[in-house]
């Protein structure tokens, strides 16, 4: 797949109003997360008990938490946690799912049966349940959360890739390549996977929004990133008991989660309309 073919639908999505607004917000979140140390004079892990429960003001734009830590600083650093955990886990899940789905869809037989049984077994459980079980086995923390999210969404990408491969493998140009002596690996890498990539990447982008919610949920239960590392879900958890005393502690992290997930879904929707999947599937 050429760079032009990859970036073309993205440019088309950005040309729409909702795609541009969503893309701008996502770019802002990424830039803020990367440049976090340069954007705030406060440390995310230094407590100042005399400053606890300060409402939003000029010195602390979003107020402080129960330990006197600047809430805006922790939300900015929390973006690092949420984005890194979600993007890395979904990227690994997409890669593993495409490999398993492509192998099962192309070769069929017992391999297809084995992959299908395992995938259907995990698919029958909600992602949150799979994630909770895996975190309970691996242990709480960033690594455990990444593994849990990656495995929880593996079935989705495996099934989607398998369906795409099974649809494309009977095309005339695939038979022509096979008759000319092309190896199975070459056919998969050169013809099948590039043409199945579009729908899988869109599904992966949309799943990233779900992964952010899942990471926040695990953090809310104390199973995600461990203190003092900021996490949007953990901040919401600590603020839930202070809703009437300091509502900003739960409100602003919740808004960060909501706006980011909405932006991902809006941009993904714009990308779906910009990407002609049927045409992409017919291209060699």
Protein backbone atom coordinates (compact mmCIF):
# COMPACT_ATOMS: atom_id res chain seq x y z
CA UNK A 1 0.00 0.00 0.00
CA UNK A 2 1.52 3.28 -1.08
CA UNK A 3 1.82 6.32 1.16
CA UNK A 4 -0.51 8.25 -1.15
CA UNK A 5 -3.22 5.61 -0.90
CA UNK A 6 -2.84 5.58 2.87
CA UNK A 7 -2.94 9.35 3.39
CA UNK A 8 -5.58 10.09 0.76
CA UNK A 9 -8.62 9.05 2.85
CA UNK A 10 -7.15 10.87 5.87
CA UNK A 11 -6.93 14.11 3.89
CA UNK A 12 -10.49 13.60 2.68
CA UNK A 13 -11.69 13.05 6.24
CA UNK A 14 -9.92 16.21 7.41
CA UNK A 15 -11.65 18.15 4.63
CA UNK A 16 -15.02 17.64 6.33
CA UNK A 17 -16.10 19.84 9.22
CA UNK A 18 -16.49 17.11 11.81
CA UNK A 19 -13.33 15.38 10.64
CA UNK A 20 -11.35 18.61 10.91
CA UNK A 21 -12.70 19.46 14.37
CA UNK A 22 -12.13 15.93 15.65
CA UNK A 23 -8.66 15.76 14.11
CA UNK A 24 -7.76 19.13 15.61
CA UNK A 25 -8.80 18.01 19.09
CA UNK A 26 -6.91 14.70 18.79
CA UNK A 27 -3.81 16.51 17.56
CA UNK A 28 -4.09 18.93 20.48
CA UNK A 29 -4.38 16.07 22.99
CA UNK A 30 -1.33 14.33 21.51
CA UNK A 31 0.76 17.52 21.47
CA UNK A 32 -0.23 18.40 25.03
CA UNK A 33 0.61 14.88 26.21
CA UNK A 34 4.02 14.92 24.51
CA UNK A 35 4.93 18.42 25.70
CA UNK A 36 3.51 17.98 29.21
CA UNK A 37 6.70 18.98 31.10
CA UNK A 38 6.88 22.24 29.13
CA UNK A 39 3.24 23.24 29.56
CA UNK A 40 2.81 23.29 33.33
CA UNK A 41 4.97 24.61 36.19
CA UNK A 42 3.64 22.00 38.60
CA UNK A 43 4.73 18.40 39.19
CA UNK A 44 2.05 15.76 38.91
CA UNK A 45 3.27 13.77 41.93
CA UNK A 46 4.23 16.46 44.49
CA UNK A 47 1.67 16.84 47.26
CA UNK A 48 0.83 20.15 48.92
CA UNK A 49 -1.79 19.50 51.59
CA UNK A 50 -2.36 23.20 52.42
CA UNK A 51 -3.53 23.63 48.80
CA UNK A 52 -5.97 20.72 48.87
CA UNK A 53 -9.48 21.18 47.43
CA UNK A 54 -8.80 24.58 45.92
CA UNK A 55 -11.46 25.43 43.31
CA UNK A 56 -10.51 26.52 39.78
CA UNK A 57 -8.68 29.84 39.93
CA UNK A 58 -5.90 31.79 38.22
CA UNK A 59 -3.16 29.83 40.00
CA UNK A 60 -4.80 26.44 39.40
CA UNK A 61 -7.01 26.66 36.32
CA UNK A 62 -8.87 23.43 37.06
CA UNK A 63 -8.40 23.44 40.81
CA UNK A 64 -6.50 20.98 43.00
CA UNK A 65 -7.25 17.49 44.26
CA UNK A 66 -7.42 16.10 47.79
CA UNK A 67 -3.62 16.14 48.04
CA UNK A 68 -3.17 19.68 46.74
CA UNK A 69 -1.88 18.58 43.34
CA UNK A 70 -2.71 20.71 40.32
CA UNK A 71 -5.56 18.96 38.52
CA UNK A 72 -4.75 20.34 35.07
CA UNK A 73 -1.20 19.01 35.37
CA UNK A 74 -2.46 15.56 36.32
CA UNK A 75 -4.98 15.54 33.48
CA UNK A 76 -2.23 16.47 31.00
CA UNK A 77 0.04 13.72 32.28
CA UNK A 78 -2.95 11.39 32.45
CA UNK A 79 -3.37 11.90 28.72
CA UNK A 80 0.06 10.31 28.31
CA UNK A 81 -1.08 7.25 30.23
CA UNK A 82 -4.42 6.86 28.49
CA UNK A 83 -3.12 7.46 24.96
CA UNK A 84 0.01 5.33 25.29
CA UNK A 85 -1.81 2.40 26.89
CA UNK A 86 -4.71 2.51 24.43
CA UNK A 87 -2.72 3.08 21.23
CA UNK A 88 -0.01 0.52 22.00
CA UNK A 89 -2.45 -2.17 23.13
CA UNK A 90 -4.75 -1.69 20.12
CA UNK A 91 -1.78 -1.57 17.71
CA UNK A 92 -0.44 -4.88 19.04
CA UNK A 93 -3.95 -6.34 18.97
CA UNK A 94 -4.45 -5.23 15.35
CA UNK A 95 -1.10 -6.71 14.30
CA UNK A 96 -1.71 -10.02 16.05
CA UNK A 97 -5.31 -10.16 14.84
CA UNK A 98 -4.30 -9.56 11.22
CA UNK A 99 -1.69 -12.30 11.37
CA UNK A 100 -4.06 -14.84 12.93
CA UNK A 101 -7.02 -13.82 10.76
CA UNK A 102 -5.00 -13.85 7.55
CA UNK A 103 -3.53 -17.28 8.27
CA UNK A 104 -6.91 -18.72 9.22
CA UNK A 105 -8.77 -17.18 6.29
CA UNK A 106 -6.17 -18.07 3.66
CA UNK A 107 -5.10 -21.58 4.65
CA UNK A 108 -8.39 -22.75 6.19
CA UNK A 109 -8.60 -26.33 7.44
CA UNK A 110 -7.68 -27.21 11.00
CA UNK A 111 -5.83 -23.94 11.51
CA UNK A 112 -8.98 -22.02 10.67
CA UNK A 113 -11.04 -24.22 12.97
CA UNK A 114 -8.62 -23.78 15.88
CA UNK A 115 -8.40 -20.01 15.49
CA UNK A 116 -12.17 -19.71 15.07
CA UNK A 117 -12.87 -21.72 18.23
CA UNK A 118 -10.48 -19.65 20.35
CA UNK A 119 -11.68 -16.37 18.87
CA UNK A 120 -15.37 -17.24 19.30
CA UNK A 121 -14.69 -18.25 22.89
CA UNK A 122 -13.15 -14.89 23.78
CA UNK A 123 -15.71 -13.05 21.62
CA UNK A 124 -18.53 -14.48 23.74
CA UNK A 125 -17.37 -12.50 26.80
CA UNK A 126 -17.56 -8.72 27.21
CA UNK A 127 -14.23 -6.91 26.82
CA UNK A 128 -14.39 -5.56 30.37
CA UNK A 129 -14.78 -9.08 31.79
CA UNK A 130 -11.84 -10.41 29.77
CA UNK A 131 -9.74 -7.42 30.84
CA UNK A 132 -10.64 -7.82 34.52
CA UNK A 133 -9.74 -11.52 34.46
CA UNK A 134 -6.40 -10.89 32.77
CA UNK A 135 -5.48 -7.99 35.07
CA UNK A 136 -6.34 -10.18 38.05
CA UNK A 137 -3.93 -12.82 36.71
CA UNK A 138 -1.12 -10.52 35.54
CA UNK A 139 -1.49 -7.88 38.22
CA UNK A 140 -2.45 -4.20 38.13
CA UNK A 141 -0.29 -1.64 36.37
CA UNK A 142 0.40 -0.26 32.92
CA UNK A 143 1.79 -3.52 31.50
CA UNK A 144 -1.10 -5.59 32.78
CA UNK A 145 -3.59 -3.08 31.41
CA UNK A 146 -1.95 -3.13 27.96
CA UNK A 147 -2.01 -6.92 27.81
CA UNK A 148 -5.59 -7.06 29.04
CA UNK A 149 -6.86 -4.52 26.49
CA UNK A 150 -4.87 -6.11 23.66
CA UNK A 151 -6.27 -9.57 24.33
CA UNK A 152 -9.78 -8.24 24.93
CA UNK A 153 -9.96 -6.76 21.41
CA UNK A 154 -7.95 -9.47 19.62
CA UNK A 155 -11.04 -11.43 18.59
CA UNK A 156 -12.55 -8.41 16.84
CA UNK A 157 -9.58 -7.85 14.53
CA UNK A 158 -9.03 -11.56 13.93
CA UNK A 159 -12.62 -12.08 12.82
CA UNK A 160 -12.62 -8.97 10.62
CA UNK A 161 -9.32 -9.87 8.93
CA UNK A 162 -10.41 -13.48 8.39
CA UNK A 163 -13.64 -12.32 6.75
CA UNK A 164 -11.79 -9.89 4.48
CA UNK A 165 -9.20 -12.49 3.44
CA UNK A 166 -11.86 -15.13 2.70
CA UNK A 167 -13.67 -12.61 0.51
CA UNK A 168 -10.59 -11.54 -1.46
CA UNK A 169 -8.78 -14.87 -1.85
CA UNK A 170 -11.18 -16.07 -4.58
CA UNK A 171 -10.57 -13.01 -6.78
CA UNK A 172 -9.22 -13.63 -10.28
CA UNK A 173 -5.94 -11.80 -9.72
CA UNK A 174 -5.20 -14.01 -6.70
CA UNK A 175 -5.68 -17.13 -8.82
CA UNK A 176 -3.49 -15.59 -11.54
CA UNK A 177 -0.71 -14.84 -9.04
CA UNK A 178 -0.91 -18.39 -7.69
CA UNK A 179 -0.79 -19.89 -11.21
CA UNK A 180 2.33 -17.83 -11.94
CA UNK A 181 4.09 -19.49 -9.03
CA UNK A 182 3.71 -16.82 -6.37
CA UNK A 183 4.23 -18.19 -2.88
CA UNK A 184 1.57 -18.06 -0.18
CA UNK A 185 3.63 -15.56 1.78
CA UNK A 186 3.97 -13.27 -1.24
CA UNK A 187 0.24 -13.43 -2.00
CA UNK A 188 -0.64 -12.63 1.60
CA UNK A 189 1.87 -9.79 1.94
CA UNK A 190 1.49 -8.26 -1.53
CA UNK A 191 -2.17 -8.74 -2.39
CA UNK A 192 -4.40 -9.88 0.46
CA UNK A 193 -3.26 -7.98 3.56
CA UNK A 194 -2.93 -4.55 1.86
CA UNK A 195 -6.48 -4.82 0.55
CA UNK A 196 -7.83 -5.95 3.92
CA UNK A 197 -5.96 -3.22 5.77
CA UNK A 198 -8.44 -0.36 5.34
CA UNK A 199 -11.42 -1.80 7.25
CA UNK A 200 -9.15 -3.22 9.95
CA UNK A 201 -7.40 0.12 10.53
CA UNK A 202 -10.74 1.91 10.78
CA UNK A 203 -11.95 -0.68 13.26
CA UNK A 204 -8.69 -0.26 15.16
CA UNK A 205 -9.12 3.50 15.35
CA UNK A 206 -12.67 3.19 16.62
CA UNK A 207 -11.55 0.54 19.11
CA UNK A 208 -8.95 2.98 20.44
CA UNK A 209 -11.79 5.10 21.80
CA UNK A 210 -13.27 2.04 23.48
CA UNK A 211 -9.81 1.17 24.82
CA UNK A 212 -9.53 4.60 26.44
CA UNK A 213 -12.84 3.96 28.20
CA UNK A 214 -11.69 0.48 29.22
CA UNK A 215 -8.38 1.85 30.54
CA UNK A 216 -10.28 4.50 32.50
CA UNK A 217 -12.60 1.81 33.87
CA UNK A 218 -9.69 -0.32 35.05
CA UNK A 219 -8.09 2.78 36.55
CA UNK A 220 -11.37 3.62 38.29
CA UNK A 221 -11.27 0.21 39.96
CA UNK A 222 -7.62 0.70 40.93
CA UNK A 223 -6.39 -1.92 38.45
CA UNK A 224 -4.79 0.40 35.89
CA UNK A 225 -1.78 2.69 36.25
CA UNK A 226 -0.68 2.75 39.87
CA UNK A 227 -0.06 5.91 41.95
CA UNK A 228 1.55 8.34 41.66
CA UNK A 229 1.27 7.90 37.87
CA UNK A 230 -1.81 9.90 36.79
CA UNK A 231 -4.70 8.14 35.13
CA UNK A 232 -8.00 9.68 34.07
CA UNK A 233 -9.91 6.74 35.52
CA UNK A 234 -8.05 6.82 38.84
CA UNK A 235 -8.68 10.57 39.15
CA UNK A 236 -12.37 10.00 38.56
CA UNK A 237 -12.34 7.26 41.18
CA UNK A 238 -10.78 9.52 43.82
CA UNK A 239 -13.22 12.29 42.92
CA UNK A 240 -16.32 10.10 43.12
CA UNK A 241 -16.32 10.29 46.91
CA UNK A 242 -15.83 14.05 46.82
CA UNK A 243 -18.57 14.87 44.35
CA UNK A 244 -20.33 17.38 46.59
CA UNK A 245 -17.18 18.77 48.21
CA UNK A 246 -14.95 19.19 45.15
CA UNK A 247 -16.90 18.23 42.01
CA UNK A 248 -14.12 19.44 39.70
CA UNK A 249 -11.94 16.47 40.69
CA UNK A 250 -14.25 14.05 38.87
CA UNK A 251 -15.77 16.47 36.35
CA UNK A 252 -12.69 17.54 34.41
CA UNK A 253 -11.08 14.08 34.01
CA UNK A 254 -14.49 12.80 32.89
CA UNK A 255 -14.71 15.56 30.31
CA UNK A 256 -11.21 14.68 29.08
CA UNK A 257 -12.26 11.06 28.54
CA UNK A 258 -15.58 11.99 26.92
CA UNK A 259 -14.25 14.61 24.50
CA UNK A 260 -11.32 12.43 23.41
CA UNK A 261 -13.48 9.38 22.77
CA UNK A 262 -16.10 11.46 20.92
CA UNK A 263 -13.35 13.00 18.77
CA UNK A 264 -11.99 9.55 17.90
CA UNK A 265 -15.46 8.31 16.92
CA UNK A 266 -16.21 11.42 14.85
CA UNK A 267 -12.91 11.20 13.00
CA UNK A 268 -13.41 7.48 12.45
CA UNK A 269 -16.87 8.16 11.04
CA UNK A 270 -15.46 10.80 8.71
CA UNK A 271 -12.76 8.35 7.63
CA UNK A 272 -15.34 5.67 6.88
CA UNK A 273 -17.16 8.04 4.53
CA UNK A 274 -13.91 9.16 2.93
CA UNK A 275 -12.62 5.62 2.37
CA UNK A 276 -14.33 3.67 -0.41
CA UNK A 277 -13.81 0.21 1.04
CA UNK A 278 -15.39 -1.68 -1.88
CA UNK A 279 -13.04 -0.03 -4.34
CA UNK A 280 -10.06 -0.71 -2.09
CA UNK A 281 -10.96 -4.39 -1.90
CA UNK A 282 -10.95 -4.71 -5.69
CA UNK A 283 -7.51 -3.15 -6.06
CA UNK A 284 -4.49 -5.40 -6.31
